[in-house]
Amino acid sequence: MKNLTIHPLLKEIADIFIRQGKQVFLVGGAVRDMLRGEAAQDWDLATDALPEEVIPMFSRVIPTGIKHGTVTVRYKERSLEVTTFRTESNYQDGRRPDKVDYAATIEADLSRRDFTMNAIALSLPRGDKVDPFDGTGDIRRRIIRCVGNPVERFGEDGLRPLRAVRFASQLGFEIEDATLAAINPTLHITEKVSVERIRDEIDRILNSSKPSRAFRLMESTGLLKLLLPELACCREVEQKGFHYFDVLDHSLVACDFAAQEEAPLTVRLAALFHDIGKAETRALDASGVWTFYQHERVSAELSRNILLRFRYPHETIDTVVHLIKEHMFHYEEIWSDAAVRRFVIRVGEEHLSDLYRLRRADAYATSGIPLPRDFLAPLISRIDGVLSYSRAFSIKDLRIDGKDLMEIGVKPGPYMGIILKELLETVVDDPELNTKDKLLEIAGNLNNRYV
């Protein structure tokens, strides 16, 4: 463990508390990260000062959770959550305590926390450590262990089991046996947690360097079947041919690859869900080989349902579903330039890079063997060439518009829309026709046909 250095700003804040005769401690993830030699991102403070005593100490205080003893202090452009020492009881909704009592000591406050690695405090301003549950030792041993009885801890807050597997994925820690064993008996508590909180933990898992670690722990404890049954049922859905993994392992390997490539969240979600339709579409052909016809379409719809269930933003849902729907493209050098342009139109130029990422993840997860350096290079080169020559991929890219068409006698309405679509098809086939004079000539001939 490295020696801990207290940030000067924390010392300033501590002096404000001390002048009022109050104790203040740095607690939570910041302490854990500092003990791991990492930079502390967020500062959470615990104090014996009541919220109404904290508020007048600072010029900007937001009562974010005042009924639970928490306020947010804004100090020199930093936000800090400040919570009065407390104990908690009666978690009827499986997430938040119904009863909060203020405590007299930091040790009592630490006893309510989830894991020993998060139950360490540093007294401010000096940084003396308070560690009643040997969280420091567990960090050194790389172990995630509940404070006290793990069944009780998970019975209080159903999000804690998911946090445990998320920390295992983020930190590369092992979950201590008793803590791991307590997850399954408390799934009924996890079931009560809001979908938004579950979604946030899933996002944090996906944004870790190896998401599969968490998802495999979720599978072994029953969390995966509870929260993502569509993914869980991909276990033992075997694939033939070049595939080395069943569908679940294939999906997890693909997700890890996307994470290692530092792909955006949408690509990681698409990698995780891109084949979940295979469980539903699997069938044996006449030669005894498994087929998965139209699995990309079914996977896309199942993914939409999952993302809607977890209330993802609509833009995220649309992007993930679109990538999954398009991930089975098969490029051949015999494609004409017009075929390449139609591919770009269908996929969307803005989605090309992400679709490449998803396809690389999918290909790697076939066997886990590193991809050739030139994988997808022929397609990317063709597309780059087409894009450098023409970017007429939508009606708005045409060199004429509805006003121009009206000037040659085309009436507004359905026929104008049909003519514009036909003009776009013409330009996709031959970009050199995308001039005002040529398009007006073609439009005039089309209009004569419809009149």
Protein backbone atom coordinates (compact mmCIF):
# COMPACT_ATOMS: atom_id res chain seq x y z
CA MET A 1 0.00 0.00 0.00
CA LYS A 2 1.24 3.47 -0.84
CA ASN A 3 1.40 6.26 1.71
CA LEU A 4 -1.78 8.31 1.56
CA THR A 5 -1.64 11.99 0.79
CA ILE A 6 -4.57 14.16 1.79
CA HIS A 7 -5.55 16.68 -0.86
CA PRO A 8 -5.05 20.31 0.25
CA LEU A 9 -8.69 21.09 -0.54
CA LEU A 10 -9.82 18.35 1.86
CA LYS A 11 -7.62 19.89 4.54
CA GLU A 12 -9.29 23.24 3.96
CA ILE A 13 -12.72 21.69 4.30
CA ALA A 14 -11.66 19.78 7.41
CA ASP A 15 -10.51 23.02 9.03
CA ILE A 16 -14.02 24.43 8.60
CA PHE A 17 -15.49 21.47 10.51
CA ILE A 18 -12.80 21.55 13.19
CA ARG A 19 -13.37 25.25 13.86
CA GLN A 20 -16.95 24.32 14.67
CA GLY A 21 -15.78 21.59 17.03
CA LYS A 22 -16.83 18.76 14.66
CA GLN A 23 -15.13 15.60 13.38
CA VAL A 24 -14.95 14.82 9.69
CA PHE A 25 -13.68 11.75 7.80
CA LEU A 26 -13.08 10.81 4.19
CA VAL A 27 -14.99 7.57 3.55
CA GLY A 28 -16.10 5.14 0.85
CA GLY A 29 -14.67 4.55 -2.60
CA ALA A 30 -12.18 7.41 -2.39
CA VAL A 31 -10.39 5.73 0.51
CA ARG A 32 -10.51 2.34 -1.20
CA ASP A 33 -9.03 3.78 -4.38
CA MET A 34 -6.31 5.64 -2.48
CA LEU A 35 -5.32 2.43 -0.69
CA ARG A 36 -5.09 0.74 -4.09
CA GLY A 37 -2.76 3.49 -5.30
CA GLU A 38 -5.38 4.97 -7.58
CA ALA A 39 -6.61 8.55 -7.83
CA ALA A 40 -9.75 9.22 -5.80
CA GLN A 41 -12.47 10.50 -8.12
CA ASP A 42 -15.30 11.43 -5.75
CA TRP A 43 -15.02 12.62 -2.17
CA ASP A 44 -17.61 11.47 0.37
CA LEU A 45 -17.36 12.77 3.93
CA ALA A 46 -18.81 11.47 7.19
CA THR A 47 -19.18 13.77 10.19
CA ASP A 48 -20.71 14.02 13.65
CA ALA A 49 -22.24 17.35 12.58
CA LEU A 50 -25.98 17.26 11.90
CA PRO A 51 -27.19 18.41 8.46
CA GLU A 52 -28.57 21.63 9.94
CA GLU A 53 -25.12 22.28 11.41
CA VAL A 54 -23.34 21.60 8.11
CA ILE A 55 -25.54 23.91 6.02
CA PRO A 56 -24.38 27.21 7.62
CA MET A 57 -20.71 26.17 7.36
CA PHE A 58 -20.66 26.62 3.58
CA SER A 59 -22.09 29.14 1.16
CA ARG A 60 -23.44 26.51 -1.26
CA VAL A 61 -25.17 23.43 0.19
CA ILE A 62 -27.82 21.31 -1.56
CA PRO A 63 -30.12 19.17 0.66
CA THR A 64 -29.89 16.16 -1.68
CA GLY A 65 -30.72 13.48 0.91
CA ILE A 66 -31.35 15.45 4.03
CA LYS A 67 -33.92 13.01 5.46
CA HIS A 68 -31.13 10.41 5.48
CA GLY A 69 -28.60 12.89 6.87
CA THR A 70 -26.90 13.75 3.57
CA VAL A 71 -26.23 17.12 1.96
CA THR A 72 -24.09 18.03 -1.03
CA VAL A 73 -21.50 20.73 -0.42
CA ARG A 74 -20.15 22.76 -3.33
CA TYR A 75 -16.69 24.05 -2.46
CA LYS A 76 -14.30 25.60 -4.97
CA GLU A 77 -15.94 23.83 -7.94
CA ARG A 78 -15.94 20.45 -6.18
CA SER A 79 -19.05 18.59 -5.04
CA LEU A 80 -18.84 16.52 -1.87
CA GLU A 81 -21.52 14.41 -0.24
CA VAL A 82 -21.49 15.01 3.51
CA THR A 83 -23.39 12.54 5.69
CA THR A 84 -23.90 12.55 9.41
CA PHE A 85 -22.73 9.39 11.23
CA ARG A 86 -25.73 7.07 11.09
CA THR A 87 -27.07 3.57 11.42
CA GLU A 88 -29.87 2.10 9.30
CA SER A 89 -32.67 -0.46 9.68
CA ASN A 90 -35.90 -1.77 8.10
CA TYR A 91 -35.21 -2.00 4.35
CA GLN A 92 -38.74 -2.75 3.16
CA ASP A 93 -38.14 -1.82 -0.49
CA GLY A 94 -34.88 -3.78 -0.72
CA ARG A 95 -32.86 -0.67 -1.34
CA ARG A 96 -33.36 2.26 1.07
CA PRO A 97 -33.62 2.14 4.85
CA ASP A 98 -37.00 3.02 6.36
CA LYS A 99 -35.31 4.07 9.57
CA VAL A 100 -32.13 6.12 9.96
CA ASP A 101 -30.64 6.91 13.37
CA TYR A 102 -27.71 9.20 13.91
CA ALA A 103 -24.68 7.48 15.43
CA ALA A 104 -22.11 8.77 17.87
CA THR A 105 -18.95 7.37 16.28
CA ILE A 106 -17.38 6.77 12.90
CA GLU A 107 -17.00 3.08 13.81
CA ALA A 108 -20.79 2.74 14.15
CA ASP A 109 -21.23 4.49 10.81
CA LEU A 110 -18.76 2.16 9.08
CA SER A 111 -20.61 -0.88 10.40
CA ARG A 112 -23.61 -0.15 8.12
CA ARG A 113 -21.55 -0.23 4.92
CA ASP A 114 -21.57 -2.98 2.32
CA PHE A 115 -18.03 -4.35 1.95
CA THR A 116 -14.99 -4.17 4.17
CA MET A 117 -12.99 -2.41 1.45
CA ASN A 118 -15.61 0.37 1.54
CA ALA A 119 -15.74 0.52 5.34
CA ILE A 120 -12.50 2.40 5.91
CA ALA A 121 -12.27 6.05 6.98
CA LEU A 122 -9.47 8.59 7.02
CA SER A 123 -9.71 11.24 9.71
CA LEU A 124 -9.19 14.72 8.35
CA PRO A 125 -7.02 16.66 8.07
CA ARG A 126 -4.22 14.26 9.12
CA GLY A 127 -5.43 11.11 7.36
CA ASP A 128 -5.26 8.68 10.30
CA LYS A 129 -6.94 5.44 9.26
CA VAL A 130 -10.01 3.92 10.95
CA ASP A 131 -10.43 0.34 9.76
CA PRO A 132 -12.52 -1.78 12.17
CA PHE A 133 -13.18 -4.63 9.68
CA ASP A 134 -9.69 -5.02 8.16
CA GLY A 135 -10.73 -3.59 4.83
CA THR A 136 -7.09 -2.72 4.22
CA GLY A 137 -6.15 -6.38 4.52
CA ASP A 138 -8.93 -7.41 2.15
CA ILE A 139 -7.76 -4.84 -0.39
CA ARG A 140 -4.25 -6.23 -0.06
CA ARG A 141 -5.61 -9.76 -0.50
CA ARG A 142 -7.85 -8.56 -3.37
CA ILE A 143 -10.98 -9.87 -1.67
CA ILE A 144 -14.55 -8.57 -1.66
CA ARG A 145 -16.14 -9.41 1.70
CA CYS A 146 -19.31 -8.14 3.32
CA VAL A 147 -19.22 -6.24 6.59
CA GLY A 148 -20.69 -8.67 9.09
CA ASN A 149 -23.25 -11.28 7.98
CA PRO A 150 -23.47 -11.24 4.15
CA VAL A 151 -27.06 -12.55 4.07
CA GLU A 152 -28.09 -9.66 6.31
CA ARG A 153 -26.16 -7.14 4.23
CA PHE A 154 -27.71 -8.36 0.97
CA GLY A 155 -31.11 -8.64 2.63
CA GLU A 156 -30.91 -4.94 3.45
CA ASP A 157 -30.03 -3.74 -0.03
CA GLY A 158 -30.68 -5.85 -3.12
CA LEU A 159 -28.25 -3.83 -5.21
CA ARG A 160 -25.29 -4.96 -3.14
CA PRO A 161 -24.93 -8.39 -4.84
CA LEU A 162 -24.71 -6.68 -8.22
CA ARG A 163 -22.20 -4.22 -6.80
CA ALA A 164 -20.12 -7.16 -5.58
CA VAL A 165 -19.86 -8.73 -9.03
CA ARG A 166 -19.29 -5.30 -10.58
CA PHE A 167 -16.37 -4.63 -8.22
CA ALA A 168 -14.96 -8.07 -9.05
CA SER A 169 -15.01 -7.10 -12.72
CA GLN A 170 -13.70 -3.56 -12.23
CA LEU A 171 -10.97 -4.34 -9.71
CA GLY A 172 -10.08 -7.91 -10.61
CA PHE A 173 -10.88 -9.01 -7.02
CA GLU A 174 -12.28 -12.35 -5.84
CA ILE A 175 -15.57 -12.48 -3.94
CA GLU A 176 -15.09 -14.21 -0.58
CA ASP A 177 -16.93 -17.57 -0.39
CA ALA A 178 -19.54 -16.66 2.22
CA THR A 179 -20.30 -13.38 0.46
CA LEU A 180 -20.68 -15.15 -2.89
CA ALA A 181 -22.89 -17.85 -1.36
CA ALA A 182 -25.22 -15.21 0.09
CA ILE A 183 -26.21 -13.83 -3.32
CA ASN A 184 -28.56 -16.60 -4.42
CA PRO A 185 -30.66 -16.76 -1.22
CA THR A 186 -31.28 -13.01 -1.44
CA LEU A 187 -32.29 -12.76 -5.10
CA HIS A 188 -35.84 -11.93 -4.01
CA ILE A 189 -34.44 -8.73 -2.50
CA THR A 190 -32.52 -7.87 -5.67
CA GLU A 191 -35.77 -8.34 -7.59
CA LYS A 192 -37.19 -5.30 -5.74
CA VAL A 193 -34.48 -2.91 -6.93
CA SER A 194 -35.48 -0.32 -9.54
CA VAL A 195 -34.53 -1.07 -13.12
CA GLU A 196 -32.65 2.22 -13.34
CA ARG A 197 -30.29 1.24 -10.53
CA ILE A 198 -29.77 -2.19 -12.11
CA ARG A 199 -29.09 -0.54 -15.46
CA ASP A 200 -26.48 1.75 -13.94
CA GLU A 201 -24.62 -1.24 -12.48
CA ILE A 202 -24.79 -3.11 -15.79
CA ASP A 203 -23.32 -0.06 -17.51
CA ARG A 204 -20.48 0.04 -15.00
CA ILE A 205 -19.83 -3.65 -15.61
CA LEU A 206 -19.79 -3.10 -19.37
CA ASN A 207 -17.41 -0.19 -18.95
CA SER A 208 -14.93 -2.33 -17.02
CA SER A 209 -11.93 -3.88 -18.75
CA LYS A 210 -13.32 -7.44 -18.57
CA PRO A 211 -17.14 -7.51 -18.29
CA SER A 212 -17.31 -11.29 -18.65
CA ARG A 213 -15.94 -11.69 -15.13
CA ALA A 214 -19.06 -10.09 -13.67
CA PHE A 215 -21.47 -11.84 -16.03
CA ARG A 216 -20.02 -15.27 -15.22
CA LEU A 217 -20.44 -14.54 -11.51
CA MET A 218 -23.98 -13.41 -12.24
CA GLU A 219 -24.62 -16.71 -14.01
CA SER A 220 -23.24 -18.84 -11.17
CA THR A 221 -25.29 -17.01 -8.53
CA GLY A 222 -28.60 -16.75 -10.39
CA LEU A 223 -28.36 -13.00 -10.98
CA LEU A 224 -28.10 -13.46 -14.74
CA LYS A 225 -31.26 -15.56 -14.98
CA LEU A 226 -33.08 -13.04 -12.78
CA LEU A 227 -31.98 -9.88 -14.60
CA LEU A 228 -31.09 -11.00 -18.14
CA PRO A 229 -32.93 -14.30 -18.76
CA GLU A 230 -32.62 -13.81 -22.54
CA LEU A 231 -28.84 -13.97 -22.18
CA ALA A 232 -28.83 -16.73 -19.57
CA CYS A 233 -30.76 -19.08 -21.86
CA CYS A 234 -27.90 -18.93 -24.38
CA ARG A 235 -25.91 -21.35 -22.21
CA GLU A 236 -25.43 -24.70 -23.98
CA VAL A 237 -26.77 -23.34 -27.25
CA GLU A 238 -23.98 -24.97 -29.22
CA GLN A 239 -22.72 -23.74 -32.58
CA LYS A 240 -21.04 -25.77 -35.28
CA GLY A 241 -18.48 -24.93 -37.94
CA PHE A 242 -15.73 -22.54 -36.90
CA HIS A 243 -17.37 -21.71 -33.58
CA TYR A 244 -15.43 -22.79 -30.49
CA PHE A 245 -17.88 -21.47 -27.87
CA ASP A 246 -21.55 -21.85 -27.10
CA VAL A 247 -23.66 -18.73 -27.64
CA LEU A 248 -23.31 -17.41 -24.10
CA ASP A 249 -19.52 -17.74 -23.98
CA HIS A 250 -19.30 -16.36 -27.51
CA SER A 251 -21.29 -13.31 -26.43
CA LEU A 252 -19.12 -12.74 -23.35
CA VAL A 253 -15.88 -13.09 -25.30
CA ALA A 254 -17.21 -10.61 -27.87
CA CYS A 255 -18.13 -8.20 -25.10
CA ASP A 256 -14.64 -8.46 -23.58
CA PHE A 257 -13.09 -7.78 -26.99
CA ALA A 258 -15.23 -4.66 -27.40
CA ALA A 259 -14.15 -3.53 -23.93
CA GLN A 260 -10.47 -4.10 -24.71
CA GLU A 261 -10.92 -2.07 -27.90
CA GLU A 262 -12.37 0.72 -25.71
CA ALA A 263 -15.54 0.68 -27.78
CA PRO A 264 -18.44 2.91 -26.69
CA LEU A 265 -21.21 1.55 -24.47
CA THR A 266 -23.55 1.02 -27.42
CA VAL A 267 -21.05 -1.34 -29.08
CA ARG A 268 -20.46 -3.23 -25.82
CA LEU A 269 -24.22 -3.68 -25.42
CA ALA A 270 -24.51 -4.82 -29.03
CA ALA A 271 -21.63 -7.28 -28.56
CA LEU A 272 -23.31 -8.71 -25.45
CA PHE A 273 -26.72 -9.13 -27.11
CA HIS A 274 -25.91 -9.61 -30.80
CA ASP A 275 -26.65 -13.37 -30.82
CA ILE A 276 -29.32 -13.79 -28.12
CA GLY A 277 -31.83 -14.66 -30.83
CA LYS A 278 -29.95 -17.88 -31.59
CA ALA A 279 -31.63 -19.73 -28.71
CA GLU A 280 -34.99 -19.02 -30.33
CA THR A 281 -34.03 -19.57 -33.99
CA ARG A 282 -31.82 -22.66 -33.64
CA ALA A 283 -32.84 -25.58 -35.87
CA LEU A 284 -31.19 -28.67 -37.38
CA ASP A 285 -30.93 -28.79 -41.15
CA ALA A 286 -31.16 -31.94 -43.26
CA SER A 287 -27.47 -32.70 -42.75
CA GLY A 288 -27.68 -32.42 -38.96
CA VAL A 289 -26.01 -29.01 -38.69
CA TRP A 290 -27.42 -26.27 -36.45
CA THR A 291 -28.77 -23.26 -38.30
CA PHE A 292 -29.82 -19.87 -36.94
CA TYR A 293 -31.68 -18.24 -39.81
CA GLN A 294 -32.72 -14.64 -39.20
CA HIS A 295 -31.14 -14.71 -35.74
CA GLU A 296 -29.92 -11.14 -36.18
CA ARG A 297 -33.50 -9.92 -36.61
CA VAL A 298 -34.72 -11.83 -33.54
CA SER A 299 -31.66 -10.73 -31.55
CA ALA A 300 -32.39 -7.12 -32.43
CA GLU A 301 -36.00 -7.36 -31.24
CA LEU A 302 -35.05 -9.17 -28.02
CA SER A 303 -32.39 -6.53 -27.40
CA ARG A 304 -34.93 -3.75 -27.91
CA ASN A 305 -37.17 -5.37 -25.29
CA ILE A 306 -34.29 -5.67 -22.81
CA LEU A 307 -33.16 -2.08 -23.28
CA LEU A 308 -36.73 -0.80 -22.99
CA ARG A 309 -37.15 -2.85 -19.81
CA PHE A 310 -34.11 -1.14 -18.30
CA ARG A 311 -35.24 2.28 -19.58
CA TYR A 312 -32.22 3.09 -21.67
CA PRO A 313 -32.38 6.34 -23.66
CA HIS A 314 -34.16 5.89 -26.99
CA GLU A 315 -31.07 6.96 -28.91
CA THR A 316 -29.05 4.20 -27.22
CA ILE A 317 -31.77 1.63 -27.93
CA ASP A 318 -32.04 2.57 -31.60
CA THR A 319 -28.27 2.46 -32.09
CA VAL A 320 -27.78 -0.92 -30.39
CA VAL A 321 -30.72 -2.51 -32.22
CA HIS A 322 -29.50 -1.14 -35.56
CA LEU A 323 -25.97 -2.46 -35.05
CA ILE A 324 -27.27 -5.92 -34.13
CA LYS A 325 -29.61 -6.00 -37.11
CA GLU A 326 -26.74 -5.15 -39.48
CA HIS A 327 -23.93 -7.22 -37.96
CA MET A 328 -24.28 -10.19 -40.36
CA PHE A 329 -23.22 -8.36 -43.55
CA HIS A 330 -21.11 -10.37 -45.99
CA TYR A 331 -18.87 -8.29 -48.22
CA GLU A 332 -17.46 -9.66 -51.47
CA GLU A 333 -15.08 -7.91 -53.86
CA ILE A 334 -17.58 -8.41 -56.69
CA TRP A 335 -19.81 -5.76 -55.08
CA SER A 336 -20.34 -2.86 -57.45
CA ASP A 337 -19.73 0.68 -56.26
CA ALA A 338 -23.50 1.16 -56.26
CA ALA A 339 -23.84 -1.88 -53.94
CA VAL A 340 -21.24 -0.36 -51.60
CA ARG A 341 -23.14 2.94 -51.60
CA ARG A 342 -26.39 1.11 -50.79
CA PHE A 343 -24.62 -0.64 -47.91
CA VAL A 344 -23.51 2.74 -46.55
CA ILE A 345 -27.05 4.09 -46.92
CA ARG A 346 -28.54 1.11 -45.09
CA VAL A 347 -26.00 1.16 -42.25
CA GLY A 348 -25.60 4.93 -42.04
CA GLU A 349 -22.22 6.59 -42.39
CA GLU A 350 -22.35 7.61 -38.73
CA HIS A 351 -22.60 3.94 -37.67
CA LEU A 352 -19.84 2.47 -39.85
CA SER A 353 -17.02 2.65 -37.29
CA ASP A 354 -19.16 1.05 -34.60
CA LEU A 355 -20.33 -1.68 -36.96
CA TYR A 356 -16.69 -2.45 -37.77
CA ARG A 357 -16.00 -2.71 -34.03
CA LEU A 358 -18.94 -5.05 -33.51
CA ARG A 359 -17.95 -7.23 -36.46
CA ARG A 360 -14.38 -7.51 -35.17
CA ALA A 361 -15.66 -8.50 -31.73
CA ASP A 362 -18.00 -11.08 -33.27
CA ALA A 363 -15.25 -12.54 -35.45
CA TYR A 364 -12.73 -12.74 -32.61
CA ALA A 365 -15.30 -14.50 -30.40
CA THR A 366 -15.72 -17.28 -32.94
CA SER A 367 -12.59 -19.01 -31.64
CA GLY A 368 -10.71 -16.49 -29.50
CA ILE A 369 -7.84 -16.43 -32.01
CA PRO A 370 -6.38 -12.98 -32.82
CA LEU A 371 -7.76 -11.51 -36.03
CA PRO A 372 -5.63 -10.91 -39.12
CA ARG A 373 -4.23 -7.38 -39.25
CA ASP A 374 -6.12 -6.73 -42.48
CA PHE A 375 -9.50 -7.97 -41.20
CA LEU A 376 -12.26 -5.89 -42.87
CA ALA A 377 -9.57 -3.87 -44.69
CA PRO A 378 -10.94 -4.56 -48.20
CA LEU A 379 -14.44 -3.38 -47.25
CA ILE A 380 -13.17 -0.33 -45.37
CA SER A 381 -10.97 0.62 -48.30
CA ARG A 382 -13.88 0.30 -50.75
CA ILE A 383 -16.14 2.39 -48.53
CA ASP A 384 -13.48 5.05 -48.03
CA GLY A 385 -13.06 5.25 -51.80
CA VAL A 386 -16.80 5.58 -52.37
CA LEU A 387 -17.09 8.25 -49.68
CA SER A 388 -14.26 10.26 -51.20
CA TYR A 389 -16.04 10.19 -54.56
CA SER A 390 -19.64 10.79 -53.56
CA ARG A 391 -21.66 11.45 -50.44
CA ALA A 392 -25.11 11.49 -52.02
CA PHE A 393 -26.77 9.05 -49.64
CA SER A 394 -30.07 10.77 -48.91
CA ILE A 395 -32.62 13.02 -50.60
CA LYS A 396 -31.13 16.06 -48.87
CA ASP A 397 -27.82 15.31 -50.66
CA LEU A 398 -29.43 15.79 -54.10
CA ARG A 399 -28.51 18.95 -55.99
CA ILE A 400 -32.20 19.83 -56.33
CA ASP A 401 -35.10 20.04 -53.91
CA GLY A 402 -38.88 20.29 -53.92
CA LYS A 403 -38.82 23.97 -54.88
CA ASP A 404 -36.79 23.16 -58.00
CA LEU A 405 -39.26 20.43 -58.93
CA MET A 406 -42.23 22.77 -58.55
CA GLU A 407 -40.59 25.16 -60.99
CA ILE A 408 -40.78 22.50 -63.73
CA GLY A 409 -44.38 21.66 -62.93
CA VAL A 410 -44.14 18.89 -60.33
CA LYS A 411 -47.00 19.32 -57.87
CA PRO A 412 -46.37 18.92 -54.12
CA GLY A 413 -47.61 15.65 -52.70
CA PRO A 414 -46.99 11.91 -52.99
CA TYR A 415 -45.73 12.08 -56.59
CA MET A 416 -43.03 14.57 -55.64
CA GLY A 417 -41.84 12.18 -52.93
CA ILE A 418 -41.77 9.30 -55.40
CA ILE A 419 -39.78 11.37 -57.90
CA LEU A 420 -37.23 12.41 -55.26
CA LYS A 421 -36.75 8.78 -54.22
CA GLU A 422 -36.22 7.71 -57.82
CA LEU A 423 -33.72 10.53 -58.31
CA LEU A 424 -31.80 9.32 -55.28
CA GLU A 425 -31.73 5.76 -56.67
CA THR A 426 -30.42 7.18 -59.94
CA VAL A 427 -27.63 9.07 -58.18
CA VAL A 428 -26.70 6.05 -56.06
CA ASP A 429 -26.23 4.09 -59.29
CA ASP A 430 -24.32 6.93 -60.98
CA PRO A 431 -23.11 9.85 -58.80
CA GLU A 432 -22.14 11.84 -61.92
CA LEU A 433 -25.85 12.45 -62.52
CA ASN A 434 -26.08 14.49 -59.31
CA THR A 435 -26.17 17.87 -61.03
CA LYS A 436 -29.10 20.25 -61.14
CA ASP A 437 -29.50 20.18 -64.92
CA LYS A 438 -29.35 16.38 -65.24
CA LEU A 439 -31.67 15.78 -62.29
CA LEU A 440 -34.22 18.29 -63.58
CA GLU A 441 -34.16 16.56 -66.97
CA ILE A 442 -34.74 13.17 -65.35
CA ALA A 443 -37.41 14.60 -63.05
CA GLY A 444 -39.23 16.15 -66.01
CA ASN A 445 -39.37 12.78 -67.77
CA LEU A 446 -40.62 11.12 -64.57
CA ASN A 447 -43.26 13.80 -64.08
CA ASN A 448 -44.55 13.30 -67.61
CA ARG A 449 -44.87 9.62 -66.82
CA TYR A 450 -46.96 10.28 -63.68
CA VAL A 451 -49.14 13.09 -65.07
